[in-house]
Amino acid sequence: MPQMSPLNWLILFIFFSLIFIFINMLNYFILNYKYSKKNNLKKINNKLNWKW
């Protein structure tokens, strides 16, 4: 039935969009980054002497 084709494409689009959002949420909330804590941050002071 070709009349149902747009509905199927819409459902597929919604399905994959939800999967994409879900994976992004998992990556954001599950991953713990090494420098995420503010009290462990240290200022790195690199002084470079440029000799032209």
PDB file of N, CA and C in Angstrom:
ATOM      1  N   MET A   1       0.844  -1.190   0.000  1.00  0.00           N
ATOM      2  CA  MET A   1       0.000   0.000   0.000  1.00  0.00           C
ATOM      3  C   MET A   1       0.886   1.248   0.000  1.00  0.00           C
ATOM      4  N   PRO A   2       1.016   1.904  -1.097  1.00  0.00           N
ATOM      5  CA  PRO A   2       1.879   3.085  -1.144  1.00  0.00           C
ATOM      6  C   PRO A   2       1.346   4.269  -0.334  1.00  0.00           C
ATOM      7  N   GLN A   3       0.072   4.259   0.016  1.00  0.00           N
ATOM      8  CA  GLN A   3      -0.474   5.377   0.785  1.00  0.00           C
ATOM      9  C   GLN A   3       0.120   5.430   2.194  1.00  0.00           C
ATOM     10  N   MET A   4       0.540   4.283   2.688  1.00  0.00           N
ATOM     11  CA  MET A   4       1.068   4.231   4.048  1.00  0.00           C
ATOM     12  C   MET A   4       2.557   4.557   4.112  1.00  0.00           C
ATOM     13  N   SER A   5       3.165   4.756   3.010  1.00  0.00           N
ATOM     14  CA  SER A   5       4.607   4.979   2.984  1.00  0.00           C
ATOM     15  C   SER A   5       5.057   6.206   3.781  1.00  0.00           C
ATOM     16  N   PRO A   6       4.423   7.364   3.688  1.00  0.00           N
ATOM     17  CA  PRO A   6       4.886   8.512   4.485  1.00  0.00           C
ATOM     18  C   PRO A   6       4.798   8.262   5.990  1.00  0.00           C
ATOM     19  N   LEU A   7       3.791   7.533   6.405  1.00  0.00           N
ATOM     20  CA  LEU A   7       3.670   7.243   7.827  1.00  0.00           C
ATOM     21  C   LEU A   7       4.816   6.350   8.284  1.00  0.00           C
ATOM     22  N   ASN A   8       5.185   5.391   7.480  1.00  0.00           N
ATOM     23  CA  ASN A   8       6.301   4.518   7.836  1.00  0.00           C
ATOM     24  C   ASN A   8       7.615   5.293   7.903  1.00  0.00           C
ATOM     25  N   TRP A   9       7.821   6.227   6.972  1.00  0.00           N
ATOM     26  CA  TRP A   9       9.044   7.034   7.021  1.00  0.00           C
ATOM     27  C   TRP A   9       9.061   7.923   8.254  1.00  0.00           C
ATOM     28  N   LEU A  10       7.926   8.440   8.625  1.00  0.00           N
ATOM     29  CA  LEU A  10       7.857   9.277   9.824  1.00  0.00           C
ATOM     30  C   LEU A  10       8.156   8.468  11.077  1.00  0.00           C
ATOM     31  N   ILE A  11       7.616   7.279  11.152  1.00  0.00           N
ATOM     32  CA  ILE A  11       7.878   6.427  12.308  1.00  0.00           C
ATOM     33  C   ILE A  11       9.367   6.057  12.375  1.00  0.00           C
ATOM     34  N   LEU A  12       9.954   5.761  11.225  1.00  0.00           N
ATOM     35  CA  LEU A  12      11.386   5.456  11.211  1.00  0.00           C
ATOM     36  C   LEU A  12      12.226   6.653  11.650  1.00  0.00           C
ATOM     37  N   PHE A  13      11.862   7.819  11.173  1.00  0.00           N
ATOM     38  CA  PHE A  13      12.595   9.020  11.563  1.00  0.00           C
ATOM     39  C   PHE A  13      12.504   9.260  13.073  1.00  0.00           C
ATOM     40  N   ILE A  14      11.324   9.121  13.626  1.00  0.00           N
ATOM     41  CA  ILE A  14      11.143   9.318  15.067  1.00  0.00           C
ATOM     42  C   ILE A  14      11.913   8.263  15.851  1.00  0.00           C
ATOM     43  N   PHE A  15      11.864   7.044  15.387  1.00  0.00           N
ATOM     44  CA  PHE A  15      12.563   5.957  16.064  1.00  0.00           C
ATOM     45  C   PHE A  15      14.068   6.210  16.108  1.00  0.00           C
ATOM     46  N   PHE A  16      14.674   6.540  14.977  1.00  0.00           N
ATOM     47  CA  PHE A  16      16.110   6.778  14.947  1.00  0.00           C
ATOM     48  C   PHE A  16      16.496   8.063  15.664  1.00  0.00           C
ATOM     49  N   SER A  17      15.626   9.034  15.657  1.00  0.00           N
ATOM     50  CA  SER A  17      15.914  10.261  16.403  1.00  0.00           C
ATOM     51  C   SER A  17      15.935   9.984  17.906  1.00  0.00           C
ATOM     52  N   LEU A  18      15.009   9.187  18.368  1.00  0.00           N
ATOM     53  CA  LEU A  18      14.991   8.841  19.788  1.00  0.00           C
ATOM     54  C   LEU A  18      16.205   8.010  20.185  1.00  0.00           C
ATOM     55  N   ILE A  19      16.610   7.122  19.312  1.00  0.00           N
ATOM     56  CA  ILE A  19      17.825   6.354  19.604  1.00  0.00           C
ATOM     57  C   ILE A  19      19.041   7.273  19.664  1.00  0.00           C
ATOM     58  N   PHE A  20      19.117   8.213  18.755  1.00  0.00           N
ATOM     59  CA  PHE A  20      20.236   9.164  18.745  1.00  0.00           C
ATOM     60  C   PHE A  20      20.265   9.997  20.027  1.00  0.00           C
ATOM     61  N   ILE A  21      19.127  10.487  20.445  1.00  0.00           N
ATOM     62  CA  ILE A  21      19.051  11.276  21.674  1.00  0.00           C
ATOM     63  C   ILE A  21      19.397  10.425  22.893  1.00  0.00           C
ATOM     64  N   PHE A  22      18.930   9.198  22.900  1.00  0.00           N
ATOM     65  CA  PHE A  22      19.211   8.308  24.015  1.00  0.00           C
ATOM     66  C   PHE A  22      20.710   8.011  24.127  1.00  0.00           C
ATOM     67  N   ILE A  23      21.363   7.757  23.003  1.00  0.00           N
ATOM     68  CA  ILE A  23      22.805   7.480  23.030  1.00  0.00           C
ATOM     69  C   ILE A  23      23.578   8.711  23.478  1.00  0.00           C
ATOM     70  N   ASN A  24      23.161   9.884  23.039  1.00  0.00           N
ATOM     71  CA  ASN A  24      23.838  11.109  23.476  1.00  0.00           C
ATOM     72  C   ASN A  24      23.651  11.350  24.970  1.00  0.00           C
ATOM     73  N   MET A  25      22.482  11.053  25.474  1.00  0.00           N
ATOM     74  CA  MET A  25      22.259  11.195  26.917  1.00  0.00           C
ATOM     75  C   MET A  25      23.112  10.209  27.707  1.00  0.00           C
ATOM     76  N   LEU A  26      23.233   8.997  27.201  1.00  0.00           N
ATOM     77  CA  LEU A  26      24.092   8.021  27.879  1.00  0.00           C
ATOM     78  C   LEU A  26      25.542   8.497  27.893  1.00  0.00           C
ATOM     79  N   ASN A  27      26.013   8.997  26.790  1.00  0.00           N
ATOM     80  CA  ASN A  27      27.391   9.480  26.743  1.00  0.00           C
ATOM     81  C   ASN A  27      27.608  10.663  27.674  1.00  0.00           C
ATOM     82  N   TYR A  28      26.631  11.512  27.799  1.00  0.00           N
ATOM     83  CA  TYR A  28      26.798  12.700  28.628  1.00  0.00           C
ATOM     84  C   TYR A  28      26.762  12.353  30.114  1.00  0.00           C
ATOM     85  N   PHE A  29      25.849  11.507  30.534  1.00  0.00           N
ATOM     86  CA  PHE A  29      25.649  11.267  31.949  1.00  0.00           C
ATOM     87  C   PHE A  29      26.467  10.106  32.499  1.00  0.00           C
ATOM     88  N   ILE A  30      26.919   9.204  31.670  1.00  0.00           N
ATOM     89  CA  ILE A  30      27.642   8.037  32.182  1.00  0.00           C
ATOM     90  C   ILE A  30      29.150   8.265  32.205  1.00  0.00           C
ATOM     91  N   LEU A  31      29.680   8.903  31.187  1.00  0.00           N
ATOM     92  CA  LEU A  31      31.123   9.070  31.116  1.00  0.00           C
ATOM     93  C   LEU A  31      31.608  10.050  32.178  1.00  0.00           C
ATOM     94  N   ASN A  32      32.620   9.630  32.920  1.00  0.00           N
ATOM     95  CA  ASN A  32      33.259  10.515  33.890  1.00  0.00           C
ATOM     96  C   ASN A  32      34.598  10.945  33.322  1.00  0.00           C
ATOM     97  N   TYR A  33      34.737  12.225  33.123  1.00  0.00           N
ATOM     98  CA  TYR A  33      35.963  12.720  32.548  1.00  0.00           C
ATOM     99  C   TYR A  33      37.016  12.911  33.631  1.00  0.00           C
ATOM    100  N   LYS A  34      38.257  12.857  33.228  1.00  0.00           N
ATOM    101  CA  LYS A  34      39.357  12.912  34.185  1.00  0.00           C
ATOM    102  C   LYS A  34      39.435  14.273  34.875  1.00  0.00           C
ATOM    103  N   TYR A  35      39.183  15.336  34.170  1.00  0.00           N
ATOM    104  CA  TYR A  35      39.318  16.684  34.718  1.00  0.00           C
ATOM    105  C   TYR A  35      37.969  17.308  35.013  1.00  0.00           C
ATOM    106  N   SER A  36      37.019  16.507  35.418  1.00  0.00           N
ATOM    107  CA  SER A  36      35.680  17.042  35.642  1.00  0.00           C
ATOM    108  C   SER A  36      35.549  17.763  36.976  1.00  0.00           C
ATOM    109  N   LYS A  37      36.392  17.416  37.961  1.00  0.00           N
ATOM    110  CA  LYS A  37      36.273  18.041  39.274  1.00  0.00           C
ATOM    111  C   LYS A  37      37.053  19.345  39.306  1.00  0.00           C
ATOM    112  N   LYS A  38      36.439  20.358  39.854  1.00  0.00           N
ATOM    113  CA  LYS A  38      37.067  21.675  39.838  1.00  0.00           C
ATOM    114  C   LYS A  38      38.191  21.805  40.858  1.00  0.00           C
ATOM    115  N   ASN A  39      38.113  21.068  41.954  1.00  0.00           N
ATOM    116  CA  ASN A  39      39.150  21.217  42.973  1.00  0.00           C
ATOM    117  C   ASN A  39      40.462  20.556  42.551  1.00  0.00           C
ATOM    118  N   ASN A  40      40.446  19.713  41.549  1.00  0.00           N
ATOM    119  CA  ASN A  40      41.671  19.071  41.097  1.00  0.00           C
ATOM    120  C   ASN A  40      42.345  19.828  39.955  1.00  0.00           C
ATOM    121  N   LEU A  41      41.740  20.897  39.513  1.00  0.00           N
ATOM    122  CA  LEU A  41      42.325  21.643  38.408  1.00  0.00           C
ATOM    123  C   LEU A  41      43.529  22.442  38.881  1.00  0.00           C
ATOM    124  N   LYS A  42      44.582  22.351  38.125  1.00  0.00           N
ATOM    125  CA  LYS A  42      45.785  23.117  38.434  1.00  0.00           C
ATOM    126  C   LYS A  42      46.127  23.972  37.226  1.00  0.00           C
ATOM    127  N   LYS A  43      46.524  25.167  37.495  1.00  0.00           N
ATOM    128  CA  LYS A  43      46.900  26.045  36.408  1.00  0.00           C
ATOM    129  C   LYS A  43      48.306  25.698  35.943  1.00  0.00           C
ATOM    130  N   ILE A  44      48.406  25.394  34.668  1.00  0.00           N
ATOM    131  CA  ILE A  44      49.701  25.047  34.096  1.00  0.00           C
ATOM    132  C   ILE A  44      50.273  26.316  33.467  1.00  0.00           C
ATOM    133  N   ASN A  45      51.429  26.690  33.951  1.00  0.00           N
ATOM    134  CA  ASN A  45      52.051  27.920  33.494  1.00  0.00           C
ATOM    135  C   ASN A  45      53.282  27.571  32.666  1.00  0.00           C
ATOM    136  N   ASN A  46      53.144  27.650  31.375  1.00  0.00           N
ATOM    137  CA  ASN A  46      54.267  27.364  30.480  1.00  0.00           C
ATOM    138  C   ASN A  46      54.826  28.678  29.962  1.00  0.00           C
ATOM    139  N   LYS A  47      56.062  28.915  30.309  1.00  0.00           N
ATOM    140  CA  LYS A  47      56.719  30.115  29.810  1.00  0.00           C
ATOM    141  C   LYS A  47      57.670  29.713  28.702  1.00  0.00           C
ATOM    142  N   LEU A  48      57.439  30.288  27.564  1.00  0.00           N
ATOM    143  CA  LEU A  48      58.279  29.979  26.423  1.00  0.00           C
ATOM    144  C   LEU A  48      59.131  31.191  26.075  1.00  0.00           C
ATOM    145  N   ASN A  49      60.396  30.947  25.898  1.00  0.00           N
ATOM    146  CA  ASN A  49      61.306  32.003  25.457  1.00  0.00           C
ATOM    147  C   ASN A  49      61.506  31.853  23.960  1.00  0.00           C
ATOM    148  N   TRP A  50      60.919  32.780  23.233  1.00  0.00           N
ATOM    149  CA  TRP A  50      61.045  32.738  21.775  1.00  0.00           C
ATOM    150  C   TRP A  50      62.298  33.513  21.353  1.00  0.00           C
ATOM    151  N   LYS A  51      63.106  32.860  20.628  1.00  0.00           N
ATOM    152  CA  LYS A  51      64.314  33.527  20.123  1.00  0.00           C
ATOM    153  C   LYS A  51      64.189  33.621  18.612  1.00  0.00           C
ATOM    154  N   TRP A  52      63.926  34.809  18.150  1.00  0.00           N
ATOM    155  CA  TRP A  52      63.700  34.997  16.709  1.00  0.00           C
ATOM    156  C   TRP A  52      65.019  35.249  16.020  1.00  0.00           C
TER     157      TRP A  52
END
